[in-house]
Amino acid sequence: MKCSQFLQELTDYLDGVIDDKTRAELEDHLHWCRNCYVVVSTTKQTIEIYRDSKLYEIPDDLRSRLHSAIMSKCAAHKKNPEKKA
């Protein structure tokens, strides 16, 4: 299985709505592919954080830096939409 195939099945895998054969293939892929393992792990953690639904305050200086970074990326993308910012 290629990583692109794995990623196509990721949502169904995480939702637990996948047949046993495909699940076994995906889990076999996870045993040897570090990149896909990290994607699954990070995605699971993100889902858990989202489900927790707690709001976290961030310091004003961090909020300002994040805003500036996002606006800078948006401006760069508008100037050259084909180039990834």
N, C-alpha and C. Protein backbone atom coordinates (compact mmCIF):
# COMPACT_ATOMS: atom_id res chain seq x y z
N MET A 1 0.85 -1.18 0.00
CA MET A 1 0.00 0.00 0.00
C MET A 1 0.89 1.24 0.00
N LYS A 2 0.50 2.19 -0.83
CA LYS A 2 1.22 3.46 -0.89
C LYS A 2 0.60 4.44 0.11
N CYS A 3 1.40 5.43 0.47
CA CYS A 3 0.92 6.44 1.42
C CYS A 3 -0.32 7.16 0.89
N SER A 4 -0.37 7.43 -0.40
CA SER A 4 -1.53 8.12 -0.97
C SER A 4 -2.80 7.28 -0.79
N GLN A 5 -2.67 5.97 -0.93
CA GLN A 5 -3.82 5.09 -0.71
C GLN A 5 -4.22 5.09 0.76
N PHE A 6 -3.20 5.07 1.62
CA PHE A 6 -3.47 5.11 3.06
C PHE A 6 -4.26 6.37 3.42
N LEU A 7 -3.80 7.51 2.92
CA LEU A 7 -4.44 8.78 3.25
C LEU A 7 -5.87 8.86 2.74
N GLN A 8 -6.15 8.19 1.61
CA GLN A 8 -7.51 8.17 1.09
C GLN A 8 -8.46 7.43 2.04
N GLU A 9 -7.93 6.47 2.78
CA GLU A 9 -8.75 5.66 3.69
C GLU A 9 -8.72 6.17 5.13
N LEU A 10 -7.94 7.21 5.38
CA LEU A 10 -7.70 7.67 6.75
C LEU A 10 -8.97 8.00 7.52
N THR A 11 -9.86 8.74 6.94
CA THR A 11 -11.09 9.15 7.64
C THR A 11 -11.91 7.93 8.05
N ASP A 12 -12.11 7.01 7.12
CA ASP A 12 -12.88 5.81 7.44
C ASP A 12 -12.18 4.97 8.50
N TYR A 13 -10.84 4.93 8.43
CA TYR A 13 -10.07 4.19 9.42
C TYR A 13 -10.27 4.79 10.81
N LEU A 14 -10.15 6.09 10.91
CA LEU A 14 -10.31 6.76 12.20
C LEU A 14 -11.73 6.67 12.72
N ASP A 15 -12.70 6.68 11.81
CA ASP A 15 -14.10 6.59 12.20
C ASP A 15 -14.52 5.15 12.52
N GLY A 16 -13.65 4.19 12.18
CA GLY A 16 -13.96 2.79 12.45
C GLY A 16 -15.01 2.20 11.54
N VAL A 17 -15.14 2.77 10.36
CA VAL A 17 -16.14 2.28 9.40
C VAL A 17 -15.45 1.70 8.17
N ILE A 18 -14.57 0.75 8.41
CA ILE A 18 -13.78 0.16 7.34
C ILE A 18 -13.80 -1.36 7.51
N ASP A 19 -13.76 -2.07 6.40
CA ASP A 19 -13.81 -3.53 6.49
C ASP A 19 -12.51 -4.08 7.10
N ASP A 20 -12.59 -5.29 7.62
CA ASP A 20 -11.47 -5.89 8.33
C ASP A 20 -10.22 -6.05 7.46
N LYS A 21 -10.40 -6.40 6.21
CA LYS A 21 -9.25 -6.59 5.31
C LYS A 21 -8.51 -5.27 5.10
N THR A 22 -9.26 -4.21 4.83
CA THR A 22 -8.64 -2.90 4.61
C THR A 22 -8.00 -2.40 5.90
N ARG A 23 -8.65 -2.62 7.04
CA ARG A 23 -8.07 -2.22 8.31
C ARG A 23 -6.73 -2.91 8.53
N ALA A 24 -6.66 -4.19 8.23
CA ALA A 24 -5.41 -4.94 8.41
C ALA A 24 -4.32 -4.39 7.49
N GLU A 25 -4.68 -4.05 6.26
CA GLU A 25 -3.71 -3.47 5.33
C GLU A 25 -3.20 -2.12 5.83
N LEU A 26 -4.12 -1.31 6.33
CA LEU A 26 -3.74 0.01 6.85
C LEU A 26 -2.83 -0.13 8.07
N GLU A 27 -3.18 -1.02 8.96
CA GLU A 27 -2.37 -1.20 10.16
C GLU A 27 -1.00 -1.79 9.83
N ASP A 28 -0.94 -2.65 8.83
CA ASP A 28 0.35 -3.16 8.37
C ASP A 28 1.20 -2.01 7.84
N HIS A 29 0.58 -1.12 7.08
CA HIS A 29 1.28 0.04 6.54
C HIS A 29 1.81 0.92 7.68
N LEU A 30 1.01 1.09 8.71
CA LEU A 30 1.43 1.91 9.85
C LEU A 30 2.64 1.34 10.59
N HIS A 31 2.79 0.02 10.54
CA HIS A 31 3.92 -0.61 11.23
C HIS A 31 5.26 -0.26 10.61
N TRP A 32 5.28 0.00 9.31
CA TRP A 32 6.58 0.30 8.68
C TRP A 32 6.70 1.73 8.16
N CYS A 33 5.61 2.47 8.07
CA CYS A 33 5.67 3.84 7.52
C CYS A 33 5.56 4.86 8.65
N ARG A 34 6.68 5.43 8.99
CA ARG A 34 6.73 6.42 10.09
C ARG A 34 5.90 7.66 9.77
N ASN A 35 5.93 8.11 8.51
CA ASN A 35 5.19 9.32 8.14
C ASN A 35 3.69 9.15 8.35
N CYS A 36 3.13 8.05 7.91
CA CYS A 36 1.70 7.83 8.08
C CYS A 36 1.36 7.59 9.54
N TYR A 37 2.26 6.96 10.28
CA TYR A 37 2.05 6.77 11.71
C TYR A 37 1.92 8.12 12.41
N VAL A 38 2.79 9.06 12.05
CA VAL A 38 2.75 10.39 12.64
C VAL A 38 1.46 11.10 12.26
N VAL A 39 1.03 10.96 11.02
CA VAL A 39 -0.23 11.58 10.58
C VAL A 39 -1.40 11.05 11.40
N VAL A 40 -1.46 9.73 11.58
CA VAL A 40 -2.57 9.14 12.34
C VAL A 40 -2.51 9.59 13.80
N SER A 41 -1.33 9.54 14.38
CA SER A 41 -1.18 9.94 15.78
C SER A 41 -1.57 11.40 15.99
N THR A 42 -1.08 12.27 15.14
CA THR A 42 -1.38 13.69 15.25
C THR A 42 -2.86 13.96 15.03
N THR A 43 -3.45 13.29 14.06
CA THR A 43 -4.87 13.47 13.78
C THR A 43 -5.72 13.01 14.95
N LYS A 44 -5.36 11.87 15.54
CA LYS A 44 -6.10 11.38 16.71
C LYS A 44 -6.00 12.38 17.86
N GLN A 45 -4.82 12.91 18.09
CA GLN A 45 -4.64 13.88 19.16
C GLN A 45 -5.45 15.15 18.90
N THR A 46 -5.46 15.59 17.66
CA THR A 46 -6.22 16.78 17.29
C THR A 46 -7.72 16.56 17.52
N ILE A 47 -8.20 15.40 17.15
CA ILE A 47 -9.61 15.07 17.36
C ILE A 47 -9.94 15.07 18.85
N GLU A 48 -9.07 14.50 19.65
CA GLU A 48 -9.30 14.48 21.10
C GLU A 48 -9.33 15.88 21.69
N ILE A 49 -8.43 16.73 21.25
CA ILE A 49 -8.41 18.11 21.73
C ILE A 49 -9.70 18.81 21.32
N TYR A 50 -10.12 18.61 20.09
CA TYR A 50 -11.34 19.23 19.59
C TYR A 50 -12.56 18.74 20.38
N ARG A 51 -12.61 17.45 20.65
CA ARG A 51 -13.74 16.88 21.39
C ARG A 51 -13.80 17.40 22.81
N ASP A 52 -12.64 17.72 23.36
CA ASP A 52 -12.56 18.25 24.72
C ASP A 52 -13.33 19.57 24.82
N SER A 53 -13.36 20.31 23.75
CA SER A 53 -14.13 21.55 23.63
C SER A 53 -13.78 22.64 24.62
N LYS A 54 -12.64 22.57 25.24
CA LYS A 54 -12.23 23.63 26.15
C LYS A 54 -11.61 24.77 25.36
N LEU A 55 -11.90 25.96 25.79
CA LEU A 55 -11.28 27.13 25.19
C LEU A 55 -10.04 27.48 26.00
N TYR A 56 -8.98 27.75 25.29
CA TYR A 56 -7.74 28.10 25.95
C TYR A 56 -7.35 29.51 25.56
N GLU A 57 -7.08 30.30 26.54
CA GLU A 57 -6.63 31.67 26.30
C GLU A 57 -5.16 31.63 25.90
N ILE A 58 -4.83 32.41 24.89
CA ILE A 58 -3.43 32.53 24.53
C ILE A 58 -2.99 33.96 24.83
N PRO A 59 -1.73 34.12 25.18
CA PRO A 59 -1.24 35.47 25.49
C PRO A 59 -1.41 36.41 24.30
N ASP A 60 -1.65 37.67 24.60
CA ASP A 60 -1.87 38.66 23.55
C ASP A 60 -0.71 38.74 22.56
N ASP A 61 0.54 38.64 23.06
CA ASP A 61 1.68 38.73 22.16
C ASP A 61 1.72 37.54 21.20
N LEU A 62 1.35 36.36 21.67
CA LEU A 62 1.30 35.19 20.79
C LEU A 62 0.18 35.35 19.78
N ARG A 63 -0.97 35.82 20.23
CA ARG A 63 -2.10 36.05 19.31
C ARG A 63 -1.70 37.04 18.21
N SER A 64 -0.99 38.08 18.59
CA SER A 64 -0.54 39.09 17.63
C SER A 64 0.46 38.50 16.63
N ARG A 65 1.40 37.71 17.13
CA ARG A 65 2.39 37.08 16.23
C ARG A 65 1.73 36.10 15.28
N LEU A 66 0.77 35.31 15.78
CA LEU A 66 0.05 34.37 14.91
C LEU A 66 -0.73 35.12 13.83
N HIS A 67 -1.40 36.18 14.24
CA HIS A 67 -2.16 36.98 13.28
C HIS A 67 -1.24 37.54 12.20
N SER A 68 -0.10 38.07 12.61
CA SER A 68 0.86 38.63 11.65
C SER A 68 1.38 37.57 10.70
N ALA A 69 1.68 36.39 11.24
CA ALA A 69 2.20 35.31 10.40
C ALA A 69 1.16 34.86 9.38
N ILE A 70 -0.09 34.74 9.83
CA ILE A 70 -1.16 34.33 8.92
C ILE A 70 -1.39 35.37 7.84
N MET A 71 -1.42 36.63 8.22
CA MET A 71 -1.63 37.69 7.23
C MET A 71 -0.47 37.75 6.24
N SER A 72 0.74 37.52 6.72
CA SER A 72 1.91 37.51 5.84
C SER A 72 1.81 36.37 4.82
N LYS A 73 1.40 35.20 5.27
CA LYS A 73 1.23 34.05 4.36
C LYS A 73 0.12 34.33 3.34
N CYS A 74 -0.96 34.93 3.78
CA CYS A 74 -2.06 35.26 2.87
C CYS A 74 -1.60 36.26 1.81
N ALA A 75 -0.86 37.27 2.23
CA ALA A 75 -0.37 38.28 1.29
C ALA A 75 0.59 37.65 0.29
N ALA A 76 1.46 36.76 0.76
CA ALA A 76 2.40 36.10 -0.13
C ALA A 76 1.66 35.21 -1.13
N HIS A 77 0.61 34.56 -0.66
CA HIS A 77 -0.17 33.69 -1.55
C HIS A 77 -0.92 34.51 -2.60
N LYS A 78 -1.43 35.68 -2.22
CA LYS A 78 -2.13 36.53 -3.18
C LYS A 78 -1.19 37.03 -4.27
N LYS A 79 0.07 37.30 -3.91
CA LYS A 79 1.06 37.77 -4.88
C LYS A 79 1.45 36.66 -5.84
N ASN A 80 1.53 35.43 -5.35
CA ASN A 80 1.97 34.31 -6.16
C ASN A 80 1.16 33.07 -5.77
N PRO A 81 -0.07 32.95 -6.27
CA PRO A 81 -0.96 31.88 -5.83
C PRO A 81 -0.49 30.48 -6.20
N GLU A 82 0.39 30.35 -7.20
CA GLU A 82 0.86 29.03 -7.57
C GLU A 82 1.97 28.53 -6.68
N LYS A 83 2.65 29.44 -6.02
CA LYS A 83 3.75 29.06 -5.12
C LYS A 83 3.17 28.87 -3.72
N LYS A 84 3.55 27.75 -3.08
CA LYS A 84 3.08 27.51 -1.72
C LYS A 84 3.82 28.42 -0.77
N ALA A 85 3.06 29.14 0.04
CA ALA A 85 3.65 30.11 0.97
C ALA A 85 4.17 29.43 2.20
